[in-house]
Amino acid sequence: MIFSQMENVVNQLPKDNNTFLLIGGTVGGLLFLYIAYRFLFRQKGIPDLEKGQRENLADYPPAPNRKGSHTLTVHQIPARIRLVVFAPVGKQNKVALDEAESLLEDLMPGLGGLIQIDKPRIKIWPAQLSIAGFASVFHRLVQTPTAPTAKSNWVLFAGDCKINGKPYLLGFAVYADNPVQFGQMHLQAKDWHEILRIGRVVS
């Protein structure tokens, strides 16, 4: 149908060489630009602005052997810390990698010491403009080996918190001693001390 319409249009055009040369040149030029655009687009692709924030927990090594008499617990289940993500709120508040451990100690006494034992990866994300949306972004970019709703040793939780009166955004990936079904937890500032505890290691 399209070709018949094009044929009708062409038949209505003046029958001189200049007109056909003009039409042929225009169509050929447009076709060349389209092919060049597709080639360059396929070569470069769309830049992944979140590439440095993506984590695949299946590639993570196991935690070192447990030392000391205390461990982190999530809903009273012992767990090892494997990933910590800090993000400042807005552009005014900044987080340096070398102060993350002390900030975690200020959030919960003993947590900084567990960071030294568990040796998790600590990442600083760019400033986030949406406090409410941070947890969803964290759960989207941090991939677990199993489905989020399946029973797993991996537990992810993220949300906002206050440390020394300043707001921060914080995400954790921990590996529990036993498989659990906590799903993807979104925490508010008041939830951290209710869900996380520093408990004694039971032999």
C-alpha atoms as a PDB file:
ATOM      1  CA  MET A   1       0.000   0.000   0.000  1.00  0.00           C
ATOM      2  CA  ILE A   2       2.832   2.381   0.925  1.00  0.00           C
ATOM      3  CA  PHE A   3       4.669   1.644  -2.312  1.00  0.00           C
ATOM      4  CA  SER A   4       1.547   2.308  -4.370  1.00  0.00           C
ATOM      5  CA  GLN A   5       1.099   5.667  -2.626  1.00  0.00           C
ATOM      6  CA  MET A   6       4.725   6.563  -3.296  1.00  0.00           C
ATOM      7  CA  GLU A   7       4.252   5.568  -6.949  1.00  0.00           C
ATOM      8  CA  ASN A   8       1.231   7.873  -7.200  1.00  0.00           C
ATOM      9  CA  VAL A   9       3.232  10.755  -5.749  1.00  0.00           C
ATOM     10  CA  VAL A  10       6.132  10.138  -8.105  1.00  0.00           C
ATOM     11  CA  ASN A  11       3.773   9.948 -11.122  1.00  0.00           C
ATOM     12  CA  GLN A  12       2.382  13.373 -10.236  1.00  0.00           C
ATOM     13  CA  LEU A  13       5.828  14.970 -10.226  1.00  0.00           C
ATOM     14  CA  PRO A  14       7.135  16.767 -13.331  1.00  0.00           C
ATOM     15  CA  LYS A  15       8.929  14.405 -15.697  1.00  0.00           C
ATOM     16  CA  ASP A  16      12.276  16.083 -15.944  1.00  0.00           C
ATOM     17  CA  ASN A  17      15.708  14.875 -14.976  1.00  0.00           C
ATOM     18  CA  ASN A  18      16.425  17.676 -12.518  1.00  0.00           C
ATOM     19  CA  THR A  19      13.399  16.813 -10.398  1.00  0.00           C
ATOM     20  CA  PHE A  20      14.300  13.137 -10.228  1.00  0.00           C
ATOM     21  CA  LEU A  21      17.902  13.965  -9.436  1.00  0.00           C
ATOM     22  CA  LEU A  22      16.747  16.250  -6.614  1.00  0.00           C
ATOM     23  CA  ILE A  23      14.417  13.628  -5.187  1.00  0.00           C
ATOM     24  CA  GLY A  24      17.021  10.874  -5.504  1.00  0.00           C
ATOM     25  CA  GLY A  25      19.689  13.013  -3.865  1.00  0.00           C
ATOM     26  CA  THR A  26      17.410  13.993  -0.999  1.00  0.00           C
ATOM     27  CA  VAL A  27      16.292  10.418  -0.310  1.00  0.00           C
ATOM     28  CA  GLY A  28      19.841   9.117  -0.585  1.00  0.00           C
ATOM     29  CA  GLY A  29      21.139  11.797   1.760  1.00  0.00           C
ATOM     30  CA  LEU A  30      18.474  11.083   4.350  1.00  0.00           C
ATOM     31  CA  LEU A  31      19.152   7.353   4.110  1.00  0.00           C
ATOM     32  CA  PHE A  32      22.880   7.938   4.594  1.00  0.00           C
ATOM     33  CA  LEU A  33      22.291  10.110   7.664  1.00  0.00           C
ATOM     34  CA  TYR A  34      19.948   7.494   9.143  1.00  0.00           C
ATOM     35  CA  ILE A  35      22.449   4.673   8.644  1.00  0.00           C
ATOM     36  CA  ALA A  36      25.289   6.785  10.061  1.00  0.00           C
ATOM     37  CA  TYR A  37      23.181   7.717  13.084  1.00  0.00           C
ATOM     38  CA  ARG A  38      22.262   4.078  13.789  1.00  0.00           C
ATOM     39  CA  PHE A  39      25.886   3.001  13.442  1.00  0.00           C
ATOM     40  CA  LEU A  40      27.215   5.659  15.805  1.00  0.00           C
ATOM     41  CA  PHE A  41      24.387   5.112  18.299  1.00  0.00           C
ATOM     42  CA  ARG A  42      25.046   1.382  18.355  1.00  0.00           C
ATOM     43  CA  GLN A  43      28.771   1.928  18.777  1.00  0.00           C
ATOM     44  CA  LYS A  44      28.572   4.403  21.646  1.00  0.00           C
ATOM     45  CA  GLY A  45      25.302   3.338  23.222  1.00  0.00           C
ATOM     46  CA  ILE A  46      23.591   5.168  26.039  1.00  0.00           C
ATOM     47  CA  PRO A  47      26.052   5.933  28.865  1.00  0.00           C
ATOM     48  CA  ASP A  48      25.232   4.060  32.067  1.00  0.00           C
ATOM     49  CA  LEU A  49      25.317   6.826  34.657  1.00  0.00           C
ATOM     50  CA  GLU A  50      24.712   4.291  37.462  1.00  0.00           C
ATOM     51  CA  LYS A  51      27.437   1.850  36.424  1.00  0.00           C
ATOM     52  CA  GLY A  52      29.660   2.713  39.383  1.00  0.00           C
ATOM     53  CA  GLN A  53      26.780   2.135  41.788  1.00  0.00           C
ATOM     54  CA  ARG A  54      25.739  -1.321  40.600  1.00  0.00           C
ATOM     55  CA  GLU A  55      26.659  -4.258  42.840  1.00  0.00           C
ATOM     56  CA  ASN A  56      26.276  -7.984  42.187  1.00  0.00           C
ATOM     57  CA  LEU A  57      26.369  -9.742  45.540  1.00  0.00           C
ATOM     58  CA  ALA A  58      26.899 -13.113  43.840  1.00  0.00           C
ATOM     59  CA  ASP A  59      30.460 -11.951  43.069  1.00  0.00           C
ATOM     60  CA  TYR A  60      31.225 -11.000  46.682  1.00  0.00           C
ATOM     61  CA  PRO A  61      33.718 -13.113  48.648  1.00  0.00           C
ATOM     62  CA  PRO A  62      32.610 -14.598  51.982  1.00  0.00           C
ATOM     63  CA  ALA A  63      33.274 -12.633  55.131  1.00  0.00           C
ATOM     64  CA  PRO A  64      36.473 -13.349  57.078  1.00  0.00           C
ATOM     65  CA  ASN A  65      36.278 -15.719  60.024  1.00  0.00           C
ATOM     66  CA  ARG A  66      34.297 -14.198  62.837  1.00  0.00           C
ATOM     67  CA  LYS A  67      36.444 -12.675  65.583  1.00  0.00           C
ATOM     68  CA  GLY A  68      35.524 -11.234  68.929  1.00  0.00           C
ATOM     69  CA  SER A  69      32.455 -11.828  71.042  1.00  0.00           C
ATOM     70  CA  HIS A  70      29.948  -9.589  69.216  1.00  0.00           C
ATOM     71  CA  THR A  71      28.207  -9.531  65.862  1.00  0.00           C
ATOM     72  CA  LEU A  72      25.524  -7.581  64.078  1.00  0.00           C
ATOM     73  CA  THR A  73      22.004  -8.978  64.329  1.00  0.00           C
ATOM     74  CA  VAL A  74      19.037  -8.181  62.093  1.00  0.00           C
ATOM     75  CA  HIS A  75      15.748  -9.011  63.784  1.00  0.00           C
ATOM     76  CA  GLN A  76      17.888 -11.045  66.220  1.00  0.00           C
ATOM     77  CA  ILE A  77      19.478 -13.099  63.393  1.00  0.00           C
ATOM     78  CA  PRO A  78      23.316 -12.911  63.387  1.00  0.00           C
ATOM     79  CA  ALA A  79      24.689 -11.523  60.133  1.00  0.00           C
ATOM     80  CA  ARG A  80      27.932 -10.421  58.557  1.00  0.00           C
ATOM     81  CA  ILE A  81      28.214  -6.990  56.942  1.00  0.00           C
ATOM     82  CA  ARG A  82      29.214  -7.257  53.269  1.00  0.00           C
ATOM     83  CA  LEU A  83      28.271  -3.876  51.779  1.00  0.00           C
ATOM     84  CA  VAL A  84      27.710  -0.399  53.174  1.00  0.00           C
ATOM     85  CA  VAL A  85      26.534   2.467  50.986  1.00  0.00           C
ATOM     86  CA  PHE A  86      26.605   6.056  52.222  1.00  0.00           C
ATOM     87  CA  ALA A  87      24.998   8.933  50.333  1.00  0.00           C
ATOM     88  CA  PRO A  88      24.729  12.563  51.374  1.00  0.00           C
ATOM     89  CA  VAL A  89      21.380  14.288  51.405  1.00  0.00           C
ATOM     90  CA  GLY A  90      21.427  17.167  48.934  1.00  0.00           C
ATOM     91  CA  LYS A  91      24.594  18.887  47.781  1.00  0.00           C
ATOM     92  CA  GLN A  92      25.501  20.663  50.991  1.00  0.00           C
ATOM     93  CA  ASN A  93      26.295  17.592  53.098  1.00  0.00           C
ATOM     94  CA  LYS A  94      29.299  15.524  51.983  1.00  0.00           C
ATOM     95  CA  VAL A  95      30.620  12.105  53.011  1.00  0.00           C
ATOM     96  CA  ALA A  96      34.271  11.070  52.768  1.00  0.00           C
ATOM     97  CA  LEU A  97      35.216   7.401  52.517  1.00  0.00           C
ATOM     98  CA  ASP A  98      37.703   7.630  55.372  1.00  0.00           C
ATOM     99  CA  GLU A  99      35.052   8.908  57.792  1.00  0.00           C
ATOM    100  CA  ALA A 100      32.453   6.207  57.061  1.00  0.00           C
ATOM    101  CA  GLU A 101      33.658   3.898  59.820  1.00  0.00           C
ATOM    102  CA  SER A 102      33.528   6.581  62.499  1.00  0.00           C
ATOM    103  CA  LEU A 103      30.078   7.677  61.315  1.00  0.00           C
ATOM    104  CA  LEU A 104      28.794   4.123  61.679  1.00  0.00           C
ATOM    105  CA  GLU A 105      30.286   3.969  65.168  1.00  0.00           C
ATOM    106  CA  ASP A 106      28.448   7.175  66.033  1.00  0.00           C
ATOM    107  CA  LEU A 107      25.232   5.707  64.634  1.00  0.00           C
ATOM    108  CA  MET A 108      25.528   2.598  66.776  1.00  0.00           C
ATOM    109  CA  PRO A 109      28.345   1.994  69.273  1.00  0.00           C
ATOM    110  CA  GLY A 110      30.235  -1.149  68.264  1.00  0.00           C
ATOM    111  CA  LEU A 111      29.249  -0.958  64.595  1.00  0.00           C
ATOM    112  CA  GLY A 112      32.540   0.645  63.602  1.00  0.00           C
ATOM    113  CA  GLY A 113      34.445  -2.222  65.242  1.00  0.00           C
ATOM    114  CA  LEU A 114      32.384  -4.768  63.307  1.00  0.00           C
ATOM    115  CA  ILE A 115      33.326  -2.979  60.090  1.00  0.00           C
ATOM    116  CA  GLN A 116      36.964  -3.720  60.896  1.00  0.00           C
ATOM    117  CA  ILE A 117      36.154  -7.402  61.497  1.00  0.00           C
ATOM    118  CA  ASP A 118      33.741  -8.080  58.621  1.00  0.00           C
ATOM    119  CA  LYS A 119      35.673  -5.921  56.134  1.00  0.00           C
ATOM    120  CA  PRO A 120      32.707  -5.028  53.901  1.00  0.00           C
ATOM    121  CA  ARG A 121      32.890  -2.947  50.770  1.00  0.00           C
ATOM    122  CA  ILE A 122      32.103   0.662  51.581  1.00  0.00           C
ATOM    123  CA  LYS A 123      30.788   2.835  48.772  1.00  0.00           C
ATOM    124  CA  ILE A 124      30.008   6.542  48.681  1.00  0.00           C
ATOM    125  CA  TRP A 125      27.218   7.372  46.264  1.00  0.00           C
ATOM    126  CA  PRO A 126      26.566  10.794  44.757  1.00  0.00           C
ATOM    127  CA  ALA A 127      24.270  13.188  46.577  1.00  0.00           C
ATOM    128  CA  GLN A 128      20.645  12.093  46.448  1.00  0.00           C
ATOM    129  CA  LEU A 129      17.884  14.604  45.892  1.00  0.00           C
ATOM    130  CA  SER A 130      15.100  12.260  47.010  1.00  0.00           C
ATOM    131  CA  ILE A 131      15.262  10.864  50.536  1.00  0.00           C
ATOM    132  CA  ALA A 132      12.183   8.719  49.998  1.00  0.00           C
ATOM    133  CA  GLY A 133      13.502   7.307  46.725  1.00  0.00           C
ATOM    134  CA  PHE A 134      16.959   6.301  47.959  1.00  0.00           C
ATOM    135  CA  ALA A 135      15.926   2.891  49.322  1.00  0.00           C
ATOM    136  CA  SER A 136      14.225   1.953  46.043  1.00  0.00           C
ATOM    137  CA  VAL A 137      17.330   2.967  44.083  1.00  0.00           C
ATOM    138  CA  PHE A 138      19.544   0.954  46.452  1.00  0.00           C
ATOM    139  CA  HIS A 139      17.423  -2.184  46.080  1.00  0.00           C
ATOM    140  CA  ARG A 140      17.345  -1.765  42.311  1.00  0.00           C
ATOM    141  CA  LEU A 141      21.105  -1.393  41.907  1.00  0.00           C
ATOM    142  CA  VAL A 142      22.236  -3.992  44.456  1.00  0.00           C
ATOM    143  CA  GLN A 143      21.500  -7.393  42.939  1.00  0.00           C
ATOM    144  CA  THR A 144      21.132 -10.539  45.065  1.00  0.00           C
ATOM    145  CA  PRO A 145      21.632 -14.093  43.724  1.00  0.00           C
ATOM    146  CA  THR A 146      17.987 -14.912  44.509  1.00  0.00           C
ATOM    147  CA  ALA A 147      14.677 -13.142  43.934  1.00  0.00           C
ATOM    148  CA  PRO A 148      13.932 -10.394  46.488  1.00  0.00           C
ATOM    149  CA  THR A 149      10.919 -12.312  47.835  1.00  0.00           C
ATOM    150  CA  ALA A 150      12.714 -15.668  48.100  1.00  0.00           C
ATOM    151  CA  LYS A 151      14.233 -17.067  51.268  1.00  0.00           C
ATOM    152  CA  SER A 152      17.897 -16.140  51.326  1.00  0.00           C
ATOM    153  CA  ASN A 153      20.896 -15.463  53.532  1.00  0.00           C
ATOM    154  CA  TRP A 154      21.181 -12.054  51.904  1.00  0.00           C
ATOM    155  CA  VAL A 155      19.352  -9.233  53.643  1.00  0.00           C
ATOM    156  CA  LEU A 156      19.156  -5.715  52.206  1.00  0.00           C
ATOM    157  CA  PHE A 157      17.928  -2.630  53.999  1.00  0.00           C
ATOM    158  CA  ALA A 158      18.260   1.056  53.282  1.00  0.00           C
ATOM    159  CA  GLY A 159      16.838   4.403  54.280  1.00  0.00           C
ATOM    160  CA  ASP A 160      17.554   7.685  55.964  1.00  0.00           C
ATOM    161  CA  CYS A 161      19.247   8.119  59.318  1.00  0.00           C
ATOM    162  CA  LYS A 162      20.623  10.863  61.533  1.00  0.00           C
ATOM    163  CA  ILE A 163      24.201  10.808  62.783  1.00  0.00           C
ATOM    164  CA  ASN A 164      25.342  13.555  65.122  1.00  0.00           C
ATOM    165  CA  GLY A 165      22.254  15.529  64.159  1.00  0.00           C
ATOM    166  CA  LYS A 166      22.996  15.418  60.414  1.00  0.00           C
ATOM    167  CA  PRO A 167      20.864  13.524  57.859  1.00  0.00           C
ATOM    168  CA  TYR A 168      22.430  10.727  55.832  1.00  0.00           C
ATOM    169  CA  LEU A 169      21.229   7.995  53.513  1.00  0.00           C
ATOM    170  CA  LEU A 170      22.485   4.537  54.316  1.00  0.00           C
ATOM    171  CA  GLY A 171      22.212   1.104  52.701  1.00  0.00           C
ATOM    172  CA  PHE A 172      23.382  -2.285  53.967  1.00  0.00           C
ATOM    173  CA  ALA A 173      23.767  -5.733  52.444  1.00  0.00           C
ATOM    174  CA  VAL A 174      24.420  -8.381  55.107  1.00  0.00           C
ATOM    175  CA  TYR A 175      24.774 -12.144  54.959  1.00  0.00           C
ATOM    176  CA  ALA A 176      22.719 -13.813  57.682  1.00  0.00           C
ATOM    177  CA  ASP A 177      23.820 -17.011  59.410  1.00  0.00           C
ATOM    178  CA  ASN A 178      20.494 -18.625  58.457  1.00  0.00           C
ATOM    179  CA  PRO A 179      18.214 -18.158  55.423  1.00  0.00           C
ATOM    180  CA  VAL A 180      15.468 -15.635  56.137  1.00  0.00           C
ATOM    181  CA  GLN A 181      12.635 -14.001  54.236  1.00  0.00           C
ATOM    182  CA  PHE A 182      12.846 -10.353  55.221  1.00  0.00           C
ATOM    183  CA  GLY A 183      12.580  -9.033  51.675  1.00  0.00           C
ATOM    184  CA  GLN A 184      13.813  -5.556  50.804  1.00  0.00           C
ATOM    185  CA  MET A 185      13.518  -3.401  53.891  1.00  0.00           C
ATOM    186  CA  HIS A 186      12.972   0.349  53.693  1.00  0.00           C
ATOM    187  CA  LEU A 187      14.016   1.967  56.964  1.00  0.00           C
ATOM    188  CA  GLN A 188      13.266   5.319  58.482  1.00  0.00           C
ATOM    189  CA  ALA A 189      15.516   7.109  60.951  1.00  0.00           C
ATOM    190  CA  LYS A 190      13.677   5.619  63.943  1.00  0.00           C
ATOM    191  CA  ASP A 191      13.987   2.028  62.661  1.00  0.00           C
ATOM    192  CA  TRP A 192      17.734   1.473  62.729  1.00  0.00           C
ATOM    193  CA  HIS A 193      18.083   0.795  66.452  1.00  0.00           C
ATOM    194  CA  GLU A 194      14.962  -1.365  66.483  1.00  0.00           C
ATOM    195  CA  ILE A 195      16.000  -3.695  63.653  1.00  0.00           C
ATOM    196  CA  LEU A 196      19.783  -3.686  64.088  1.00  0.00           C
ATOM    197  CA  ARG A 197      21.519  -4.692  67.295  1.00  0.00           C
ATOM    198  CA  ILE A 198      25.021  -5.597  68.355  1.00  0.00           C
ATOM    199  CA  GLY A 199      24.626  -9.040  69.923  1.00  0.00           C
ATOM    200  CA  ARG A 200      26.905 -11.613  71.484  1.00  0.00           C
ATOM    201  CA  VAL A 201      28.193 -14.492  69.381  1.00  0.00           C
ATOM    202  CA  VAL A 202      26.636 -17.763  70.506  1.00  0.00           C
ATOM    203  CA  SER A 203      29.097 -20.635  70.249  1.00  0.00           C
END
